Protein backbone atom coordinates (compact mmCIF):
# COMPACT_ATOMS: atom_id res chain seq x y z
CA MET A 1 203.31 205.82 90.76
CA ARG A 2 204.07 202.89 93.02
CA GLU A 3 203.93 203.41 96.80
CA GLU A 4 204.49 201.11 99.77
CA VAL A 5 201.53 202.39 101.79
CA ILE A 6 199.00 205.14 101.09
CA ILE A 7 197.15 206.92 103.88
CA VAL A 8 194.02 208.88 103.00
CA GLY A 9 193.71 211.80 105.42
CA ALA A 10 196.28 213.93 107.26
CA GLY A 11 194.41 214.29 110.53
CA PRO A 12 196.12 213.40 113.81
CA CYS A 13 195.28 209.71 113.42
CA GLY A 14 196.55 209.61 109.84
CA LEU A 15 199.76 211.34 110.91
CA ALA A 16 200.15 208.89 113.82
CA ALA A 17 199.78 205.96 111.42
CA ALA A 18 202.41 207.42 109.09
CA ILE A 19 204.87 207.88 111.96
CA ALA A 20 204.31 204.32 113.18
CA LEU A 21 204.98 203.02 109.66
CA GLN A 22 208.14 205.13 109.36
CA ASP A 23 209.35 203.59 112.60
CA LYS A 24 208.97 200.19 110.90
CA GLY A 25 211.05 201.26 107.92
CA PHE A 26 208.29 202.26 105.48
CA LYS A 27 207.90 205.53 103.58
CA PRO A 28 204.13 206.03 103.52
CA LEU A 29 202.45 208.68 101.40
CA ILE A 30 199.62 210.72 102.95
CA ILE A 31 197.08 212.21 100.55
CA GLU A 32 195.00 215.03 102.03
CA LYS A 33 192.24 217.02 100.34
CA GLY A 34 193.06 220.09 102.44
CA ASN A 35 196.17 220.63 104.50
CA VAL A 36 197.57 219.05 107.66
CA VAL A 37 194.81 218.48 110.27
CA ASP A 38 192.30 220.30 108.07
CA ALA A 39 189.35 219.41 110.33
CA ILE A 40 191.01 221.09 113.34
CA TYR A 41 191.69 224.16 111.20
CA ARG A 42 187.96 224.41 110.55
CA PHE A 43 187.07 224.24 114.25
CA PRO A 44 185.71 227.46 115.79
CA THR A 45 188.47 230.07 116.02
CA HIS A 46 188.55 230.05 119.83
CA GLN A 47 187.91 226.32 120.33
CA THR A 48 189.43 224.69 123.42
CA PHE A 49 189.96 220.94 123.46
CA PHE A 50 188.37 218.64 126.01
CA SER A 51 191.59 216.62 126.22
CA THR A 52 194.81 217.64 127.94
CA PRO A 53 197.91 218.10 125.75
CA GLU A 54 199.58 214.78 126.56
CA LYS A 55 196.48 212.91 125.33
CA LEU A 56 196.81 214.59 121.92
CA GLU A 57 200.49 213.76 121.45
CA ILE A 58 201.62 211.60 118.55
CA GLY A 59 204.98 210.22 117.50
CA ASP A 60 206.52 210.74 120.97
CA VAL A 61 206.70 214.48 120.30
CA PRO A 62 205.81 216.37 123.51
CA PHE A 63 202.88 218.81 123.31
CA ILE A 64 203.97 221.46 125.80
CA ILE A 65 201.81 224.47 126.70
CA HIS A 66 201.27 226.51 129.87
CA GLU A 67 197.51 226.05 129.87
CA ARG A 68 195.73 222.91 131.07
CA LYS A 69 193.65 222.55 127.90
CA PRO A 70 195.08 223.30 124.46
CA SER A 71 193.39 225.68 122.05
CA ARG A 72 192.73 225.15 118.36
CA SER A 73 195.66 227.40 117.38
CA GLN A 74 198.04 225.54 119.71
CA ALA A 75 196.96 222.18 118.28
CA LEU A 76 197.47 223.43 114.72
CA ALA A 77 200.99 224.59 115.58
CA TYR A 78 201.77 221.29 117.31
CA TYR A 79 200.67 219.03 114.45
CA ARG A 80 202.44 221.19 111.87
CA GLU A 81 205.61 220.83 113.89
CA VAL A 82 205.16 217.06 114.18
CA ALA A 83 204.77 216.80 110.39
CA ARG A 84 207.96 218.86 109.95
CA LEU A 85 210.04 217.03 112.55
CA LYS A 86 209.04 213.61 111.27
CA GLN A 87 209.47 214.72 107.63
CA LEU A 88 206.18 213.15 106.67
CA ARG A 89 205.35 212.86 102.98
CA ILE A 90 202.07 214.71 102.57
CA ASN A 91 200.38 215.58 99.28
CA SER A 92 198.17 218.47 100.40
CA TYR A 93 195.19 219.80 98.45
CA GLU A 94 194.80 216.51 96.63
CA LYS A 95 191.49 214.68 96.93
CA VAL A 96 191.25 210.91 96.66
CA GLU A 97 188.25 210.16 94.45
CA HIS A 98 188.44 206.41 93.90
CA ILE A 99 190.11 203.37 95.42
CA THR A 100 189.78 200.10 93.54
CA ARG A 101 191.27 196.68 94.06
CA GLN A 102 193.43 195.41 91.22
CA THR A 103 193.77 191.84 89.96
CA ASP A 104 197.10 191.39 91.77
CA GLY A 105 195.47 192.33 95.10
CA SER A 106 197.00 195.81 95.31
CA PHE A 107 194.99 199.04 95.26
CA LEU A 108 194.66 201.68 92.57
CA VAL A 109 194.22 205.09 94.21
CA GLU A 110 192.98 207.85 91.93
CA SER A 111 193.06 211.49 93.00
CA ARG A 112 192.67 215.02 91.74
CA ARG A 113 194.85 218.00 92.68
CA LYS A 114 193.45 221.49 93.24
CA ASN A 115 194.61 222.52 89.74
CA GLY A 116 192.54 219.72 88.24
CA GLU A 117 195.46 217.40 87.53
CA ARG A 118 194.56 213.73 87.95
CA ARG A 119 196.96 211.30 89.57
CA SER A 120 197.05 207.53 89.96
CA TYR A 121 198.95 205.48 92.53
CA SER A 122 199.35 201.79 93.17
CA ALA A 123 199.99 200.39 96.65
CA PRO A 124 199.66 197.01 98.36
CA TYR A 125 198.27 198.65 101.52
CA VAL A 126 195.82 201.52 102.05
CA ILE A 127 194.76 203.18 105.30
CA VAL A 128 191.58 205.26 105.32
CA ALA A 129 191.90 207.89 108.06
CA THR A 130 189.18 210.31 107.01
CA GLY A 131 186.96 211.93 109.62
CA TYR A 132 183.40 213.19 109.99
CA TYR A 133 183.73 216.93 109.73
CA ASP A 134 182.94 217.18 106.01
CA HIS A 135 179.51 215.62 106.50
CA PRO A 136 177.29 217.50 108.96
CA ASN A 137 173.88 216.18 109.86
CA THR A 138 171.32 218.48 108.24
CA LEU A 139 167.83 219.63 109.16
CA ASP A 140 164.89 218.13 107.31
CA VAL A 141 162.42 221.00 107.61
CA PRO A 142 161.16 223.71 105.26
CA GLY A 143 163.70 226.53 105.04
CA ALA A 144 166.69 224.39 106.04
CA ASP A 145 168.42 225.42 102.83
CA LEU A 146 168.16 229.17 103.45
CA ASP A 147 171.43 231.14 103.43
CA LYS A 148 170.85 232.09 107.08
CA VAL A 149 171.27 228.45 108.19
CA PHE A 150 174.78 227.23 109.10
CA TYR A 151 176.05 223.79 110.12
CA TYR A 152 179.49 225.03 111.17
CA PHE A 153 180.39 227.76 113.63
CA LYS A 154 183.63 229.70 113.14
CA GLU A 155 183.37 232.89 115.20
CA ALA A 156 180.77 235.17 116.72
CA HIS A 157 181.58 238.72 115.61
CA PRO A 158 179.30 238.83 112.51
CA PHE A 159 176.28 238.11 114.69
CA TYR A 160 176.52 241.06 117.07
CA ASN A 161 173.05 242.50 117.80
CA GLN A 162 171.35 239.71 115.84
CA ASP A 163 168.64 237.22 116.83
CA VAL A 164 170.29 233.81 116.63
CA VAL A 165 168.88 230.32 117.16
CA VAL A 166 171.30 227.55 118.10
CA ILE A 167 169.93 224.04 117.63
CA GLY A 168 171.50 221.33 119.80
CA GLY A 169 172.51 220.60 123.37
CA LYS A 170 176.01 219.14 123.14
CA ASN A 171 179.47 220.69 123.22
CA SER A 172 179.39 222.38 119.84
CA ALA A 173 176.05 224.04 120.59
CA VAL A 174 177.11 225.16 124.07
CA ASP A 175 180.45 226.54 122.86
CA ALA A 176 178.81 228.44 120.00
CA THR A 177 176.17 229.87 122.31
CA LEU A 178 178.72 231.15 124.82
CA GLN A 179 180.71 232.90 122.12
CA LEU A 180 177.62 234.35 120.46
CA GLU A 181 176.30 235.74 123.74
CA LYS A 182 179.67 237.25 124.55
CA ALA A 183 179.71 238.99 121.15
CA GLY A 184 176.33 240.57 121.80
CA ALA A 185 173.95 238.24 119.96
CA ARG A 186 170.48 237.49 121.34
CA VAL A 187 170.55 233.70 121.53
CA THR A 188 167.78 231.12 121.85
CA VAL A 189 168.88 227.49 122.20
CA LEU A 190 166.50 224.77 121.01
CA TYR A 191 167.25 221.21 122.07
CA ARG A 192 165.06 218.18 121.60
CA GLY A 193 166.41 216.47 124.71
CA LYS A 194 164.96 216.89 128.21
CA GLU A 195 168.31 217.97 129.65
CA PHE A 196 171.85 218.74 128.55
CA SER A 197 173.95 215.95 127.11
CA GLN A 198 176.26 214.30 129.61
CA ASP A 199 179.06 214.88 127.10
CA VAL A 200 179.04 218.66 127.69
CA LYS A 201 182.40 219.79 129.07
CA PRO A 202 181.89 220.15 132.85
CA TRP A 203 183.92 223.34 133.15
CA VAL A 204 181.70 225.30 130.73
CA LEU A 205 178.25 224.17 131.87
CA PRO A 206 178.14 226.34 135.05
CA GLU A 207 178.75 229.48 132.97
CA PHE A 208 176.06 228.42 130.51
CA LEU A 209 173.53 227.76 133.28
CA SER A 210 174.32 231.10 134.89
CA LEU A 211 173.58 232.94 131.65
CA ILE A 212 170.23 231.15 131.43
CA ARG A 213 169.32 232.06 135.03
CA HIS A 214 170.16 235.70 134.41
CA GLY A 215 168.13 235.87 131.21
CA LYS A 216 171.14 236.30 128.94
CA ILE A 217 170.25 233.14 127.00
CA THR A 218 166.84 231.59 126.32
CA MET A 219 166.86 227.80 126.62
CA GLU A 220 164.08 225.54 125.35
CA PHE A 221 164.22 221.78 126.05
CA GLU A 222 162.08 219.21 124.20
CA ALA A 223 161.99 221.65 121.29
CA GLU A 224 161.49 220.46 117.74
CA VAL A 225 162.10 222.86 114.85
CA LYS A 226 159.24 222.78 112.35
CA GLU A 227 160.13 225.50 109.87
CA ILE A 228 162.76 228.16 109.22
CA ARG A 229 161.55 231.34 107.58
CA PRO A 230 163.56 234.36 106.40
CA ASP A 231 162.76 236.31 109.60
CA GLU A 232 161.40 233.63 111.95
CA VAL A 233 161.85 230.13 113.33
CA VAL A 234 158.83 227.96 114.06
CA TYR A 235 159.24 225.21 116.64
CA GLN A 236 157.15 223.04 118.93
CA VAL A 237 157.52 222.26 122.64
CA LYS A 238 155.28 219.53 124.12
CA GLY A 239 152.66 220.07 121.46
CA GLU A 240 152.69 223.87 121.70
CA GLN A 241 153.79 225.69 118.57
CA LYS A 242 155.96 228.78 118.98
CA THR A 243 157.36 231.37 116.59
CA ILE A 244 160.31 233.64 117.33
CA LYS A 245 162.02 236.45 115.48
CA ASN A 246 165.24 235.26 113.90
CA ASP A 247 168.16 236.41 111.76
CA PHE A 248 170.48 233.37 111.76
CA VAL A 249 170.38 229.68 112.67
CA PHE A 250 173.25 227.43 113.74
CA ALA A 251 172.27 223.77 113.54
CA MET A 252 174.94 222.13 115.69
CA ILE A 253 173.51 218.63 115.41
CA GLY A 254 176.57 216.53 114.74
CA TYR A 255 178.30 214.83 111.84
CA HIS A 256 178.32 211.43 110.17
CA PRO A 257 180.84 209.32 108.24
CA ASP A 258 180.80 209.03 104.46
CA HIS A 259 179.78 205.40 104.04
CA THR A 260 179.77 205.69 100.26
CA PHE A 261 183.55 206.00 100.10
CA LEU A 262 184.08 202.78 102.05
CA THR A 263 181.30 200.73 100.46
CA ARG A 264 182.66 201.46 96.99
CA ILE A 265 185.88 199.73 98.02
CA GLY A 266 183.90 196.73 99.31
CA VAL A 267 183.95 197.44 103.05
CA LYS A 268 180.89 196.05 104.82
CA ILE A 269 178.97 198.55 106.96
CA ASP A 270 176.69 197.64 109.87
CA GLN A 271 173.36 199.22 108.95
CA THR A 272 172.43 199.87 112.59
CA THR A 273 175.66 201.32 113.98
CA GLY A 274 177.28 202.54 110.77
CA ARG A 275 180.51 200.88 111.85
CA PRO A 276 182.72 199.47 109.10
CA GLN A 277 183.66 195.82 109.55
CA TYR A 278 187.21 195.58 110.90
CA ASP A 279 189.41 193.63 113.28
CA GLU A 280 189.95 195.68 116.44
CA GLN A 281 193.38 194.10 116.96
CA THR A 282 194.72 195.10 113.54
CA MET A 283 192.21 197.73 112.24
CA GLU A 284 192.01 195.74 109.00
CA THR A 285 188.62 195.78 107.28
CA ASN A 286 186.94 192.84 105.58
CA VAL A 287 188.86 193.94 102.46
CA PRO A 288 192.35 192.43 102.86
CA ASN A 289 195.15 194.99 103.39
CA LEU A 290 192.67 197.89 103.66
CA PHE A 291 192.70 199.50 107.10
CA VAL A 292 190.75 202.20 108.93
CA ALA A 293 192.18 204.60 111.51
CA GLY A 294 190.59 207.25 113.69
CA VAL A 295 186.99 208.33 113.96
CA ILE A 296 185.92 206.69 110.69
CA ALA A 297 186.07 203.40 112.61
CA ALA A 298 183.39 204.56 115.05
CA GLY A 299 180.47 204.48 112.65
CA ASN A 300 177.59 206.75 113.64
CA ASN A 301 178.80 207.29 117.22
CA ALA A 302 181.20 210.20 116.87
CA ASN A 303 181.79 210.20 120.65
CA GLU A 304 183.36 206.73 120.65
CA ILE A 305 186.71 207.57 119.05
CA PHE A 306 188.71 210.75 119.57
CA ILE A 307 192.28 211.75 118.87
CA GLU A 308 193.28 210.46 122.30
CA ASN A 309 192.33 206.85 121.49
CA GLY A 310 192.37 206.93 117.68
CA ARG A 311 196.08 207.83 117.72
CA PHE A 312 196.81 204.27 118.87
CA HIS A 313 195.33 202.72 115.72
CA GLY A 314 198.48 203.53 113.74
CA PRO A 315 200.86 201.27 115.69
CA LYS A 316 198.43 198.34 115.35
CA ILE A 317 198.28 198.84 111.61
CA ALA A 318 202.03 199.33 111.25
CA GLU A 319 202.74 196.15 113.19
CA THR A 320 200.40 194.18 110.94
CA ILE A 321 201.83 195.57 107.70
CA ALA A 322 205.41 195.07 108.91
CA ARG A 323 204.70 191.47 109.82
CA ARG A 324 203.23 190.74 106.42
CA SER A 325 206.00 192.57 104.58
CA ARG A 326 208.73 191.03 106.76
CA LYS A 327 209.95 194.53 107.64
CA GLY A 328 210.71 195.73 111.12
CA VAL A 329 210.04 192.30 112.61
């Protein structure tokens, strides 16, 4: 199947790129391994965004809510509506497995649908707009592979009256801890830093600190997990080893990009930062006519690119493709 432009990933930045291309007269195809904004769907059930609604808008479609900060469910509804209004072409539940450059300079995109059917596409331009959320950072300690250890947090109810360790000191760890405590879990937070990350949302930190002061949460700074056992967690603080009773562990220690996918295509990756090589003015990588959009462009620093700035990658890419294709100029 021949396409004008293929976008890998139907997150907000992938959708924004598709809309920008449509505005230039193209009919891009988005291929998504899950469904629209799959990463947001897998956020915690009661997640609230750091950004205000207008900073999450794409395609000039207003994101209107009564609250100051949108919730996960409101964002899901908004992006579904954008996809519908803009009539975006999205192949959901289809995973791109390989992208190779052909002798004529175009790309062969090979994918597999959820029923196992394999598909092949050819396109002169490809935009990789995949995110981080599929690749959590994992613990490298004995017991890290136990069933009691989770790298994602969805909701707190199953952990009522349980002894839970949360590892981390950034937003995901703080949010999970607040919900777990509210649901009746006994929570200990272990963080290797000396103080909370400056990235923690300022409106939630006072509540978190209050729970610590009142003994509702146990907080350990400069804590390094040494071992996870079926009923215990062993950790060390300033050389002192400690062991606590434990039923479940949430390792909220961040995510990382899948470099393998890009390097197979020929994209150069900075070994220190993890950033793919690309032109910031066009978002084109060192592979001609292959672009990146969204958080994948940030490398190892997931806090560098969010929806609110990644959404502007699409217009840069669309302008470049239109100029080269002599469309929309």
